[in-house]
Amino acid sequence: MLADVTLAVMWTGLTCYALFGGADFGAGQWDLLAGGSRRGMPRRALIEHTIAPVWEANHVWLIFVIVLLWAGFSPVFAAVLSTLYIPLTLAALGIIARGAAFAFRKASSRLWQRRLFGGCFALSSVFTPYFLGTVAGAVASGRVPPGLAEGHVISSWCNPTSVLGGCLAVIVCGYLAAVYLCGDAVRSADPEVAAWFRRRAWGSGLLAGAVSLAGIAVLHADAPRLFHGLTHRALPLVVLSACAGPAALLLLRWRPVAARGVAALAVAAILWSWGAAQYPAMLVPDVTVAEAASHDTVLGACLAGLGIGAALLVPSLWWLYSIFQRERAPRDTTGPTS
């Protein structure tokens, strides 16, 4: 019982990272595609204004998931990190490079410096979610066996399911960011920027749908257990995601704030469908939640500590997000940002 509760709490943290950190990565992708220095200025100004207060806070969720996996399911933690250390290291380096570049770009005054750091920030926003997606694909397809470094260090994350997971992660991040930023642009009374992000949301949403459809054949051939779970036990969540994604795109023109919630629902549903399809296995096919879980004493202490921490963290994050969501984004900037 405690193992299932701990897993649900950890999966909730993973969902929060996908929704908040994913949109953060997606904003960096649109920064890359925003256009030249002068034409892309208002788009980059909105991106910088939106993510500047929260980009560090978003990674709290990733730290939370890693620590809870280590404490609550240490055999899974050991197997995943020892087999997938290459993509995880690359993802960590991407997070570091992205944060440093974002900070240095903001402090730079020369155009070439802002372009250099802007390019590093944007490219890291593409590579980091890709590598995180390959990790998810490796676990979901059963390429992480129990034990220390028992899986192949290359083929475990260089395979069709992992590539599909990486591509979907990049596209979904862009989709979330475009939907969120469209709402911010509407609130800041900038219809031109809002229309630009609306078109990008439609494009990335349709691309995500096309890749997901193509992924059916990939999973059927490369990860049959996952495919069976998604088409049986997790099918209601898959259908919910398939309906919520287009609904968010339709709402963008008339109800951009509501579109944010529906887009988040679409992404959360597909993430939870993976969990439902794989449950009770944590490492496919044999290591179950009950087998991988720590002793109930450890899990109880973890959950008690999380309850105390959540009482402090969740209101603080809610306050942070609400303060900056009430602010209106600047319509211009003092200099080029790329």
C-alpha atoms as a PDB file:
ATOM      1  CA  MET A   1       0.000   0.000   0.000  1.00  0.00           C
ATOM      2  CA  LEU A   2       2.724   2.478   0.975  1.00  0.00           C
ATOM      3  CA  ALA A   3       4.702   1.501  -2.116  1.00  0.00           C
ATOM      4  CA  ASP A   4       1.773   2.365  -4.392  1.00  0.00           C
ATOM      5  CA  VAL A   5       1.199   5.671  -2.590  1.00  0.00           C
ATOM      6  CA  THR A   6       4.886   6.542  -2.934  1.00  0.00           C
ATOM      7  CA  LEU A   7       4.805   5.657  -6.631  1.00  0.00           C
ATOM      8  CA  ALA A   8       1.718   7.836  -7.159  1.00  0.00           C
ATOM      9  CA  VAL A   9       3.383  10.784  -5.391  1.00  0.00           C
ATOM     10  CA  MET A  10       6.535  10.325  -7.474  1.00  0.00           C
ATOM     11  CA  TRP A  11       4.499  10.133 -10.679  1.00  0.00           C
ATOM     12  CA  THR A  12       2.687  13.332  -9.683  1.00  0.00           C
ATOM     13  CA  GLY A  13       6.060  15.045  -9.359  1.00  0.00           C
ATOM     14  CA  LEU A  14       7.068  13.703 -12.773  1.00  0.00           C
ATOM     15  CA  THR A  15       3.837  15.095 -14.206  1.00  0.00           C
ATOM     16  CA  CYS A  16       4.547  18.512 -12.701  1.00  0.00           C
ATOM     17  CA  TYR A  17       8.018  18.476 -14.239  1.00  0.00           C
ATOM     18  CA  ALA A  18       6.575  17.548 -17.621  1.00  0.00           C
ATOM     19  CA  LEU A  19       4.024  20.374 -17.468  1.00  0.00           C
ATOM     20  CA  PHE A  20       6.183  23.144 -16.007  1.00  0.00           C
ATOM     21  CA  GLY A  21       9.709  22.144 -16.945  1.00  0.00           C
ATOM     22  CA  GLY A  22       8.471  20.917 -20.332  1.00  0.00           C
ATOM     23  CA  ALA A  23       6.927  24.284 -21.131  1.00  0.00           C
ATOM     24  CA  ASP A  24      10.185  25.876 -20.003  1.00  0.00           C
ATOM     25  CA  PHE A  25      12.164  23.777 -22.490  1.00  0.00           C
ATOM     26  CA  GLY A  26       9.590  24.487 -25.188  1.00  0.00           C
ATOM     27  CA  ALA A  27       9.955  28.225 -24.672  1.00  0.00           C
ATOM     28  CA  GLY A  28      13.651  27.853 -25.431  1.00  0.00           C
ATOM     29  CA  GLN A  29      12.809  26.030 -28.645  1.00  0.00           C
ATOM     30  CA  TRP A  30      10.578  28.889 -29.798  1.00  0.00           C
ATOM     31  CA  ASP A  31      13.336  31.316 -28.839  1.00  0.00           C
ATOM     32  CA  LEU A  32      15.480  29.510 -31.411  1.00  0.00           C
ATOM     33  CA  LEU A  33      12.782  29.883 -34.085  1.00  0.00           C
ATOM     34  CA  ALA A  34      11.563  33.359 -33.178  1.00  0.00           C
ATOM     35  CA  GLY A  35      13.232  35.070 -36.147  1.00  0.00           C
ATOM     36  CA  GLY A  36      16.008  37.618 -36.604  1.00  0.00           C
ATOM     37  CA  SER A  37      17.189  40.118 -34.027  1.00  0.00           C
ATOM     38  CA  ARG A  38      14.647  42.797 -34.883  1.00  0.00           C
ATOM     39  CA  ARG A  39      11.687  40.705 -36.027  1.00  0.00           C
ATOM     40  CA  GLY A  40      12.002  38.218 -33.172  1.00  0.00           C
ATOM     41  CA  MET A  41      12.512  40.868 -30.507  1.00  0.00           C
ATOM     42  CA  PRO A  42       8.935  41.000 -29.123  1.00  0.00           C
ATOM     43  CA  ARG A  43       8.620  37.191 -29.155  1.00  0.00           C
ATOM     44  CA  ARG A  44      11.879  36.710 -27.279  1.00  0.00           C
ATOM     45  CA  ALA A  45      10.949  39.502 -24.878  1.00  0.00           C
ATOM     46  CA  LEU A  46       7.746  37.657 -23.984  1.00  0.00           C
ATOM     47  CA  ILE A  47       9.607  34.346 -23.595  1.00  0.00           C
ATOM     48  CA  GLU A  48      12.236  35.906 -21.355  1.00  0.00           C
ATOM     49  CA  HIS A  49       9.636  37.737 -19.265  1.00  0.00           C
ATOM     50  CA  THR A  50       7.579  34.562 -18.833  1.00  0.00           C
ATOM     51  CA  ILE A  51      10.266  32.070 -17.837  1.00  0.00           C
ATOM     52  CA  ALA A  52      12.786  34.324 -16.050  1.00  0.00           C
ATOM     53  CA  PRO A  53      11.065  34.178 -12.618  1.00  0.00           C
ATOM     54  CA  VAL A  54      10.382  30.429 -12.647  1.00  0.00           C
ATOM     55  CA  TRP A  55      12.941  28.557 -14.764  1.00  0.00           C
ATOM     56  CA  GLU A  56      15.033  27.557 -11.726  1.00  0.00           C
ATOM     57  CA  ALA A  57      11.987  26.579  -9.673  1.00  0.00           C
ATOM     58  CA  ASN A  58      10.749  24.223 -12.377  1.00  0.00           C
ATOM     59  CA  HIS A  59      13.692  21.861 -11.851  1.00  0.00           C
ATOM     60  CA  VAL A  60      12.659  21.310  -8.229  1.00  0.00           C
ATOM     61  CA  TRP A  61      10.261  18.676  -9.567  1.00  0.00           C
ATOM     62  CA  LEU A  62      13.048  16.738 -11.278  1.00  0.00           C
ATOM     63  CA  ILE A  63      15.130  16.729  -8.095  1.00  0.00           C
ATOM     64  CA  PHE A  64      12.059  15.596  -6.167  1.00  0.00           C
ATOM     65  CA  VAL A  65      11.497  12.639  -8.524  1.00  0.00           C
ATOM     66  CA  ILE A  66      15.142  11.545  -8.458  1.00  0.00           C
ATOM     67  CA  VAL A  67      15.409  11.707  -4.664  1.00  0.00           C
ATOM     68  CA  LEU A  68      12.131   9.842  -4.150  1.00  0.00           C
ATOM     69  CA  LEU A  69      13.188   7.158  -6.652  1.00  0.00           C
ATOM     70  CA  TRP A  70      16.479   6.748  -4.788  1.00  0.00           C
ATOM     71  CA  ALA A  71      14.859   6.527  -1.351  1.00  0.00           C
ATOM     72  CA  GLY A  72      11.706   4.605  -2.238  1.00  0.00           C
ATOM     73  CA  PHE A  73      12.815   2.316  -5.059  1.00  0.00           C
ATOM     74  CA  SER A  74      16.583   2.069  -4.798  1.00  0.00           C
ATOM     75  CA  PRO A  75      17.025  -1.048  -7.023  1.00  0.00           C
ATOM     76  CA  VAL A  76      15.263   0.766  -9.870  1.00  0.00           C
ATOM     77  CA  PHE A  77      17.321   3.903  -9.210  1.00  0.00           C
ATOM     78  CA  ALA A  78      20.559   1.884  -9.383  1.00  0.00           C
ATOM     79  CA  ALA A  79      19.566   0.042 -12.542  1.00  0.00           C
ATOM     80  CA  VAL A  80      18.393   3.140 -14.413  1.00  0.00           C
ATOM     81  CA  LEU A  81      21.332   5.369 -13.529  1.00  0.00           C
ATOM     82  CA  SER A  82      23.992   2.704 -14.129  1.00  0.00           C
ATOM     83  CA  THR A  83      22.573   1.653 -17.503  1.00  0.00           C
ATOM     84  CA  LEU A  84      21.429   5.043 -18.804  1.00  0.00           C
ATOM     85  CA  TYR A  85      24.228   7.212 -17.458  1.00  0.00           C
ATOM     86  CA  ILE A  86      25.103   8.563 -20.917  1.00  0.00           C
ATOM     87  CA  PRO A  87      21.740  10.190 -21.798  1.00  0.00           C
ATOM     88  CA  LEU A  88      21.215  11.232 -18.159  1.00  0.00           C
ATOM     89  CA  THR A  89      24.639  12.909 -18.082  1.00  0.00           C
ATOM     90  CA  LEU A  90      23.938  14.652 -21.382  1.00  0.00           C
ATOM     91  CA  ALA A  91      20.573  15.823 -20.047  1.00  0.00           C
ATOM     92  CA  ALA A  92      22.218  17.153 -16.876  1.00  0.00           C
ATOM     93  CA  LEU A  93      24.857  18.995 -18.910  1.00  0.00           C
ATOM     94  CA  GLY A  94      22.065  20.419 -21.078  1.00  0.00           C
ATOM     95  CA  ILE A  95      20.218  21.734 -18.035  1.00  0.00           C
ATOM     96  CA  ILE A  96      23.396  23.354 -16.713  1.00  0.00           C
ATOM     97  CA  ALA A  97      24.377  24.865 -20.083  1.00  0.00           C
ATOM     98  CA  ARG A  98      20.839  26.100 -20.645  1.00  0.00           C
ATOM     99  CA  GLY A  99      20.608  27.848 -17.293  1.00  0.00           C
ATOM    100  CA  ALA A 100      24.054  29.416 -17.580  1.00  0.00           C
ATOM    101  CA  ALA A 101      23.407  30.633 -21.127  1.00  0.00           C
ATOM    102  CA  PHE A 102      20.042  32.125 -20.165  1.00  0.00           C
ATOM    103  CA  ALA A 103      21.639  34.049 -17.292  1.00  0.00           C
ATOM    104  CA  PHE A 104      24.638  35.217 -19.338  1.00  0.00           C
ATOM    105  CA  ARG A 105      22.474  36.352 -22.251  1.00  0.00           C
ATOM    106  CA  LYS A 106      20.423  38.520 -19.957  1.00  0.00           C
ATOM    107  CA  ALA A 107      23.587  40.146 -18.587  1.00  0.00           C
ATOM    108  CA  SER A 108      25.276  40.630 -21.997  1.00  0.00           C
ATOM    109  CA  SER A 109      25.170  43.925 -23.858  1.00  0.00           C
ATOM    110  CA  ARG A 110      26.884  43.041 -27.152  1.00  0.00           C
ATOM    111  CA  LEU A 111      24.816  41.540 -29.947  1.00  0.00           C
ATOM    112  CA  TRP A 112      27.296  38.732 -30.732  1.00  0.00           C
ATOM    113  CA  GLN A 113      27.343  37.693 -27.087  1.00  0.00           C
ATOM    114  CA  ARG A 114      23.561  37.615 -26.889  1.00  0.00           C
ATOM    115  CA  ARG A 115      23.438  35.551 -30.061  1.00  0.00           C
ATOM    116  CA  LEU A 116      26.051  33.113 -28.743  1.00  0.00           C
ATOM    117  CA  PHE A 117      24.361  32.588 -25.385  1.00  0.00           C
ATOM    118  CA  GLY A 118      20.923  32.643 -26.984  1.00  0.00           C
ATOM    119  CA  GLY A 119      21.920  29.861 -29.351  1.00  0.00           C
ATOM    120  CA  CYS A 120      23.311  27.777 -26.496  1.00  0.00           C
ATOM    121  CA  PHE A 121      20.122  28.332 -24.479  1.00  0.00           C
ATOM    122  CA  ALA A 122      17.887  27.394 -27.391  1.00  0.00           C
ATOM    123  CA  LEU A 123      19.821  24.318 -28.570  1.00  0.00           C
ATOM    124  CA  SER A 124      20.048  22.991 -25.008  1.00  0.00           C
ATOM    125  CA  SER A 125      16.271  23.375 -24.823  1.00  0.00           C
ATOM    126  CA  VAL A 126      16.014  20.892 -27.708  1.00  0.00           C
ATOM    127  CA  PHE A 127      18.659  18.361 -26.713  1.00  0.00           C
ATOM    128  CA  THR A 128      17.776  18.092 -23.009  1.00  0.00           C
ATOM    129  CA  PRO A 129      14.152  16.939 -23.379  1.00  0.00           C
ATOM    130  CA  TYR A 130      15.249  14.623 -26.186  1.00  0.00           C
ATOM    131  CA  PHE A 131      17.678  12.778 -23.923  1.00  0.00           C
ATOM    132  CA  LEU A 132      15.133  12.656 -21.105  1.00  0.00           C
ATOM    133  CA  GLY A 133      12.643  11.183 -23.582  1.00  0.00           C
ATOM    134  CA  THR A 134      15.117   8.490 -24.613  1.00  0.00           C
ATOM    135  CA  VAL A 135      15.457   7.503 -20.952  1.00  0.00           C
ATOM    136  CA  ALA A 136      11.689   7.127 -20.696  1.00  0.00           C
ATOM    137  CA  GLY A 137      11.665   5.044 -23.875  1.00  0.00           C
ATOM    138  CA  ALA A 138      14.407   2.766 -22.558  1.00  0.00           C
ATOM    139  CA  VAL A 139      12.524   2.073 -19.328  1.00  0.00           C
ATOM    140  CA  ALA A 140       9.166   1.647 -21.068  1.00  0.00           C
ATOM    141  CA  SER A 141      10.522  -0.802 -23.648  1.00  0.00           C
ATOM    142  CA  GLY A 142      12.174  -3.046 -21.050  1.00  0.00           C
ATOM    143  CA  ARG A 143      15.781  -2.277 -21.934  1.00  0.00           C
ATOM    144  CA  VAL A 144      16.829  -1.555 -18.350  1.00  0.00           C
ATOM    145  CA  PRO A 145      17.324  -4.904 -16.574  1.00  0.00           C
ATOM    146  CA  PRO A 146      17.743  -5.093 -12.781  1.00  0.00           C
ATOM    147  CA  GLY A 147      21.246  -4.870 -11.357  1.00  0.00           C
ATOM    148  CA  LEU A 148      24.172  -2.522 -11.757  1.00  0.00           C
ATOM    149  CA  ALA A 149      25.031  -1.698 -15.387  1.00  0.00           C
ATOM    150  CA  GLU A 150      23.335  -4.862 -16.665  1.00  0.00           C
ATOM    151  CA  GLY A 151      21.855  -3.101 -19.710  1.00  0.00           C
ATOM    152  CA  HIS A 152      23.744  -2.104 -22.842  1.00  0.00           C
ATOM    153  CA  VAL A 153      25.026   1.440 -22.453  1.00  0.00           C
ATOM    154  CA  ILE A 154      24.248   2.381 -26.081  1.00  0.00           C
ATOM    155  CA  SER A 155      21.422   0.253 -27.442  1.00  0.00           C
ATOM    156  CA  SER A 156      19.401   0.749 -24.248  1.00  0.00           C
ATOM    157  CA  TRP A 157      18.640   4.316 -25.323  1.00  0.00           C
ATOM    158  CA  CYS A 158      19.465   4.197 -29.046  1.00  0.00           C
ATOM    159  CA  ASN A 159      16.485   2.190 -30.268  1.00  0.00           C
ATOM    160  CA  PRO A 160      13.156   2.892 -32.000  1.00  0.00           C
ATOM    161  CA  THR A 161      11.103   3.365 -28.816  1.00  0.00           C
ATOM    162  CA  SER A 162      13.689   5.667 -27.243  1.00  0.00           C
ATOM    163  CA  VAL A 163      13.968   7.752 -30.413  1.00  0.00           C
ATOM    164  CA  LEU A 164      10.172   7.989 -30.480  1.00  0.00           C
ATOM    165  CA  GLY A 165      10.156   9.057 -26.825  1.00  0.00           C
ATOM    166  CA  GLY A 166      12.831  11.676 -27.428  1.00  0.00           C
ATOM    167  CA  CYS A 167      11.098  13.164 -30.477  1.00  0.00           C
ATOM    168  CA  LEU A 168       7.728  13.234 -28.732  1.00  0.00           C
ATOM    169  CA  ALA A 169       9.283  14.912 -25.688  1.00  0.00           C
ATOM    170  CA  VAL A 170      10.720  17.724 -27.840  1.00  0.00           C
ATOM    171  CA  ILE A 171       7.475  18.215 -29.785  1.00  0.00           C
ATOM    172  CA  VAL A 172       5.227  18.128 -26.716  1.00  0.00           C
ATOM    173  CA  CYS A 173       7.447  20.653 -24.933  1.00  0.00           C
ATOM    174  CA  GLY A 174       7.062  22.985 -27.896  1.00  0.00           C
ATOM    175  CA  TYR A 175       3.293  22.416 -27.947  1.00  0.00           C
ATOM    176  CA  LEU A 176       2.889  23.216 -24.247  1.00  0.00           C
ATOM    177  CA  ALA A 177       5.067  26.312 -24.465  1.00  0.00           C
ATOM    178  CA  ALA A 178       3.234  27.684 -27.500  1.00  0.00           C
ATOM    179  CA  VAL A 179      -0.151  27.236 -25.797  1.00  0.00           C
ATOM    180  CA  TYR A 180       1.051  28.853 -22.568  1.00  0.00           C
ATOM    181  CA  LEU A 181       2.807  31.727 -24.339  1.00  0.00           C
ATOM    182  CA  CYS A 182      -0.224  32.418 -26.516  1.00  0.00           C
ATOM    183  CA  GLY A 183      -2.228  33.048 -23.338  1.00  0.00           C
ATOM    184  CA  ASP A 184       0.512  35.317 -21.983  1.00  0.00           C
ATOM    185  CA  ALA A 185       0.568  37.302 -25.215  1.00  0.00           C
ATOM    186  CA  VAL A 186      -3.211  37.740 -25.110  1.00  0.00           C
ATOM    187  CA  ARG A 187      -3.017  38.956 -21.540  1.00  0.00           C
ATOM    188  CA  SER A 188      -0.265  41.420 -22.484  1.00  0.00           C
ATOM    189  CA  ALA A 189      -2.496  42.814 -25.271  1.00  0.00           C
ATOM    190  CA  ASP A 190      -0.126  41.870 -28.087  1.00  0.00           C
ATOM    191  CA  PRO A 191      -2.300  40.271 -30.793  1.00  0.00           C
ATOM    192  CA  GLU A 192       0.529  39.875 -33.300  1.00  0.00           C
ATOM    193  CA  VAL A 193       2.680  37.833 -30.915  1.00  0.00           C
ATOM    194  CA  ALA A 194      -0.397  35.900 -29.737  1.00  0.00           C
ATOM    195  CA  ALA A 195      -1.205  34.967 -33.334  1.00  0.00           C
ATOM    196  CA  TRP A 196       2.394  33.850 -33.916  1.00  0.00           C
ATOM    197  CA  PHE A 197       2.346  31.517 -30.920  1.00  0.00           C
ATOM    198  CA  ARG A 198      -1.167  30.309 -31.806  1.00  0.00           C
ATOM    199  CA  ARG A 199       0.027  29.165 -35.222  1.00  0.00           C
ATOM    200  CA  ARG A 200       3.011  27.425 -33.614  1.00  0.00           C
ATOM    201  CA  ALA A 201       0.727  25.691 -31.123  1.00  0.00           C
ATOM    202  CA  TRP A 202      -1.459  24.405 -33.967  1.00  0.00           C
ATOM    203  CA  GLY A 203       1.565  23.228 -35.940  1.00  0.00           C
ATOM    204  CA  SER A 204       3.281  21.484 -33.020  1.00  0.00           C
ATOM    205  CA  GLY A 205      -0.008  19.961 -31.856  1.00  0.00           C
ATOM    206  CA  LEU A 206      -0.697  18.473 -35.276  1.00  0.00           C
ATOM    207  CA  LEU A 207       2.894  17.248 -35.498  1.00  0.00           C
ATOM    208  CA  ALA A 208       2.585  15.585 -32.082  1.00  0.00           C
ATOM    209  CA  GLY A 209      -0.557  13.829 -33.254  1.00  0.00           C
ATOM    210  CA  ALA A 210       1.122  12.618 -36.450  1.00  0.00           C
ATOM    211  CA  VAL A 211       4.186  11.325 -34.592  1.00  0.00           C
ATOM    212  CA  SER A 212       1.943   9.586 -32.054  1.00  0.00           C
ATOM    213  CA  LEU A 213       0.064   7.814 -34.821  1.00  0.00           C
ATOM    214  CA  ALA A 214       3.321   6.727 -36.426  1.00  0.00           C
ATOM    215  CA  GLY A 215       4.490   5.608 -33.008  1.00  0.00           C
ATOM    216  CA  ILE A 216       1.736   2.990 -32.868  1.00  0.00           C
ATOM    217  CA  ALA A 217       3.615   0.891 -35.407  1.00  0.00           C
ATOM    218  CA  VAL A 218       6.911   1.515 -33.615  1.00  0.00           C
ATOM    219  CA  LEU A 219       5.578   0.336 -30.256  1.00  0.00           C
ATOM    220  CA  HIS A 220       3.800  -2.648 -31.785  1.00  0.00           C
ATOM    221  CA  ALA A 221       7.080  -3.870 -33.256  1.00  0.00           C
ATOM    222  CA  ASP A 222       9.599  -2.710 -30.657  1.00  0.00           C
ATOM    223  CA  ALA A 223       7.738  -2.630 -27.310  1.00  0.00           C
ATOM    224  CA  PRO A 224       4.821  -5.077 -27.533  1.00  0.00           C
ATOM    225  CA  ARG A 225       4.155  -5.156 -23.769  1.00  0.00           C
ATOM    226  CA  LEU A 226       3.830  -1.393 -23.663  1.00  0.00           C
ATOM    227  CA  PHE A 227       1.668  -1.432 -26.785  1.00  0.00           C
ATOM    228  CA  HIS A 228      -0.648  -4.005 -25.222  1.00  0.00           C
ATOM    229  CA  GLY A 229      -0.962  -1.960 -22.046  1.00  0.00           C
ATOM    230  CA  LEU A 230      -1.715   1.258 -23.912  1.00  0.00           C
ATOM    231  CA  THR A 231      -4.393  -0.407 -26.037  1.00  0.00           C
ATOM    232  CA  HIS A 232      -6.064  -2.210 -23.132  1.00  0.00           C
ATOM    233  CA  ARG A 233      -5.709  -1.069 -19.524  1.00  0.00           C
ATOM    234  CA  ALA A 234      -4.543   2.480 -20.329  1.00  0.00           C
ATOM    235  CA  LEU A 235      -6.822   2.991 -23.350  1.00  0.00           C
ATOM    236  CA  PRO A 236      -9.223   5.431 -21.574  1.00  0.00           C
ATOM    237  CA  LEU A 237      -6.285   7.706 -20.726  1.00  0.00           C
ATOM    238  CA  VAL A 238      -4.968   7.496 -24.285  1.00  0.00           C
ATOM    239  CA  VAL A 239      -8.413   8.471 -25.618  1.00  0.00           C
ATOM    240  CA  LEU A 240      -8.618  11.331 -23.098  1.00  0.00           C
ATOM    241  CA  SER A 241      -5.265  12.674 -24.305  1.00  0.00           C
ATOM    242  CA  ALA A 242      -6.278  12.288 -27.956  1.00  0.00           C
ATOM    243  CA  CYS A 243      -9.436  14.315 -27.325  1.00  0.00           C
ATOM    244  CA  ALA A 244      -7.905  16.964 -25.054  1.00  0.00           C
ATOM    245  CA  GLY A 245      -5.055  17.834 -27.428  1.00  0.00           C
ATOM    246  CA  PRO A 246      -7.238  19.017 -30.350  1.00  0.00           C
ATOM    247  CA  ALA A 247      -9.704  20.617 -27.912  1.00  0.00           C
ATOM    248  CA  ALA A 248      -6.915  22.818 -26.560  1.00  0.00           C
ATOM    249  CA  LEU A 249      -6.067  23.950 -30.081  1.00  0.00           C
ATOM    250  CA  LEU A 250      -9.700  24.869 -30.741  1.00  0.00           C
ATOM    251  CA  LEU A 251      -9.891  26.833 -27.493  1.00  0.00           C
ATOM    252  CA  LEU A 252      -6.776  28.877 -28.253  1.00  0.00           C
ATOM    253  CA  ARG A 253      -8.594  31.506 -30.301  1.00  0.00           C
ATOM    254  CA  TRP A 254     -11.457  32.148 -27.882  1.00  0.00           C
ATOM    255  CA  ARG A 255     -10.379  30.889 -24.456  1.00  0.00           C
ATOM    256  CA  PRO A 256      -6.560  30.858 -24.293  1.00  0.00           C
ATOM    257  CA  VAL A 257      -6.500  30.514 -20.489  1.00  0.00           C
ATOM    258  CA  ALA A 258      -8.797  27.482 -20.621  1.00  0.00           C
ATOM    259  CA  ALA A 259      -6.675  26.082 -23.449  1.00  0.00           C
ATOM    260  CA  ARG A 260      -3.730  25.927 -21.066  1.00  0.00           C
ATOM    261  CA  GLY A 261      -5.555  23.622 -18.692  1.00  0.00           C
ATOM    262  CA  VAL A 262      -6.825  21.367 -21.476  1.00  0.00           C
ATOM    263  CA  ALA A 263      -3.350  21.152 -23.062  1.00  0.00           C
ATOM    264  CA  ALA A 264      -1.881  20.253 -19.667  1.00  0.00           C
ATOM    265  CA  LEU A 265      -4.565  17.578 -19.296  1.00  0.00           C
ATOM    266  CA  ALA A 266      -3.612  16.078 -22.667  1.00  0.00           C
ATOM    267  CA  VAL A 267       0.059  15.801 -21.696  1.00  0.00           C
ATOM    268  CA  ALA A 268      -0.675  14.540 -18.176  1.00  0.00           C
ATOM    269  CA  ALA A 269      -3.054  11.890 -19.543  1.00  0.00           C
ATOM    270  CA  ILE A 270      -0.481  10.432 -21.912  1.00  0.00           C
ATOM    271  CA  LEU A 271       2.130  10.363 -19.139  1.00  0.00           C
ATOM    272  CA  TRP A 272      -0.238   8.566 -16.782  1.00  0.00           C
ATOM    273  CA  SER A 273      -1.258   6.189 -19.566  1.00  0.00           C
ATOM    274  CA  TRP A 274       2.375   5.045 -19.730  1.00  0.00           C
ATOM    275  CA  GLY A 275       2.315   4.426 -15.981  1.00  0.00           C
ATOM    276  CA  ALA A 276      -0.987   2.566 -16.173  1.00  0.00           C
ATOM    277  CA  ALA A 277       0.202   0.462 -19.123  1.00  0.00           C
ATOM    278  CA  GLN A 278       3.387  -0.604 -17.337  1.00  0.00           C
ATOM    279  CA  TYR A 279       1.990  -1.073 -13.810  1.00  0.00           C
ATOM    280  CA  PRO A 280       2.798  -3.024 -11.667  1.00  0.00           C
ATOM    281  CA  ALA A 281       6.179  -3.435 -13.364  1.00  0.00           C
ATOM    282  CA  MET A 282       8.772  -0.772 -12.658  1.00  0.00           C
ATOM    283  CA  LEU A 283      11.436  -2.505 -14.724  1.00  0.00           C
ATOM    284  CA  VAL A 284       9.806  -4.436 -17.539  1.00  0.00           C
ATOM    285  CA  PRO A 285       9.101  -7.298 -17.429  1.00  0.00           C
ATOM    286  CA  ASP A 286       9.870  -8.720 -13.994  1.00  0.00           C
ATOM    287  CA  VAL A 287      10.587  -6.097 -11.294  1.00  0.00           C
ATOM    288  CA  THR A 288       7.307  -4.997  -9.729  1.00  0.00           C
ATOM    289  CA  VAL A 289       6.529  -2.051  -7.482  1.00  0.00           C
ATOM    290  CA  ALA A 290       6.308  -4.292  -4.411  1.00  0.00           C
ATOM    291  CA  GLU A 291       9.638  -5.982  -5.162  1.00  0.00           C
ATOM    292  CA  ALA A 292      11.529  -2.749  -5.781  1.00  0.00           C
ATOM    293  CA  ALA A 293      10.080  -0.760  -2.880  1.00  0.00           C
ATOM    294  CA  SER A 294      12.005   0.024   0.277  1.00  0.00           C
ATOM    295  CA  HIS A 295      10.802  -1.149   3.682  1.00  0.00           C
ATOM    296  CA  ASP A 296       7.531   0.352   4.878  1.00  0.00           C
ATOM    297  CA  THR A 297       9.405   2.200   7.622  1.00  0.00           C
ATOM    298  CA  VAL A 298      11.480   4.022   5.009  1.00  0.00           C
ATOM    299  CA  LEU A 299       8.470   4.731   2.803  1.00  0.00           C
ATOM    300  CA  GLY A 300       6.469   6.033   5.758  1.00  0.00           C
ATOM    301  CA  ALA A 301       9.299   8.366   6.764  1.00  0.00           C
ATOM    302  CA  CYS A 302       9.616   9.581   3.157  1.00  0.00           C
ATOM    303  CA  LEU A 303       5.905  10.286   2.863  1.00  0.00           C
ATOM    304  CA  ALA A 304       5.841  12.083   6.229  1.00  0.00           C
ATOM    305  CA  GLY A 305       8.782  14.251   5.194  1.00  0.00           C
ATOM    306  CA  LEU A 306       7.158  14.953   1.845  1.00  0.00           C
ATOM    307  CA  GLY A 307       3.976  16.059   3.581  1.00  0.00           C
ATOM    308  CA  ILE A 308       5.893  18.572   5.688  1.00  0.00           C
ATOM    309  CA  GLY A 309       7.900  19.779   2.703  1.00  0.00           C
ATOM    310  CA  ALA A 310       4.819  20.083   0.498  1.00  0.00           C
ATOM    311  CA  ALA A 311       3.155  22.306   3.102  1.00  0.00           C
ATOM    312  CA  LEU A 312       6.004  24.768   2.541  1.00  0.00           C
ATOM    313  CA  LEU A 313       6.878  24.220  -1.108  1.00  0.00           C
ATOM    314  CA  VAL A 314       3.489  24.035  -2.836  1.00  0.00           C
ATOM    315  CA  PRO A 315       2.095  27.350  -1.466  1.00  0.00           C
ATOM    316  CA  SER A 316       5.420  29.047  -2.238  1.00  0.00           C
ATOM    317  CA  LEU A 317       5.413  27.849  -5.838  1.00  0.00           C
ATOM    318  CA  TRP A 318       1.737  28.723  -6.224  1.00  0.00           C
ATOM    319  CA  TRP A 319       2.431  32.234  -4.945  1.00  0.00           C
ATOM    320  CA  LEU A 320       5.433  32.611  -7.253  1.00  0.00           C
ATOM    321  CA  TYR A 321       3.458  31.537 -10.326  1.00  0.00           C
ATOM    322  CA  SER A 322       0.412  33.623  -9.448  1.00  0.00           C
ATOM    323  CA  ILE A 323       2.432  36.808  -8.853  1.00  0.00           C
ATOM    324  CA  PHE A 324       4.088  36.721 -12.243  1.00  0.00           C
ATOM    325  CA  GLN A 325       0.977  35.546 -14.052  1.00  0.00           C
ATOM    326  CA  ARG A 326      -0.772  38.698 -12.882  1.00  0.00           C
ATOM    327  CA  GLU A 327       1.964  40.898 -14.333  1.00  0.00           C
ATOM    328  CA  ARG A 328       1.655  42.139 -17.905  1.00  0.00           C
ATOM    329  CA  ALA A 329       4.541  41.293 -20.165  1.00  0.00           C
ATOM    330  CA  PRO A 330       6.459  44.209 -21.719  1.00  0.00           C
ATOM    331  CA  ARG A 331       5.593  44.943 -25.337  1.00  0.00           C
ATOM    332  CA  ASP A 332       9.133  45.879 -26.309  1.00  0.00           C
ATOM    333  CA  THR A 333      12.665  45.548 -25.083  1.00  0.00           C
ATOM    334  CA  THR A 334      15.698  47.767 -24.858  1.00  0.00           C
ATOM    335  CA  GLY A 335      17.847  45.817 -27.245  1.00  0.00           C
ATOM    336  CA  PRO A 336      18.074  42.777 -29.472  1.00  0.00           C
ATOM    337  CA  THR A 337      17.930  39.415 -27.706  1.00  0.00           C
ATOM    338  CA  SER A 338      19.453  37.227 -30.340  1.00  0.00           C
END
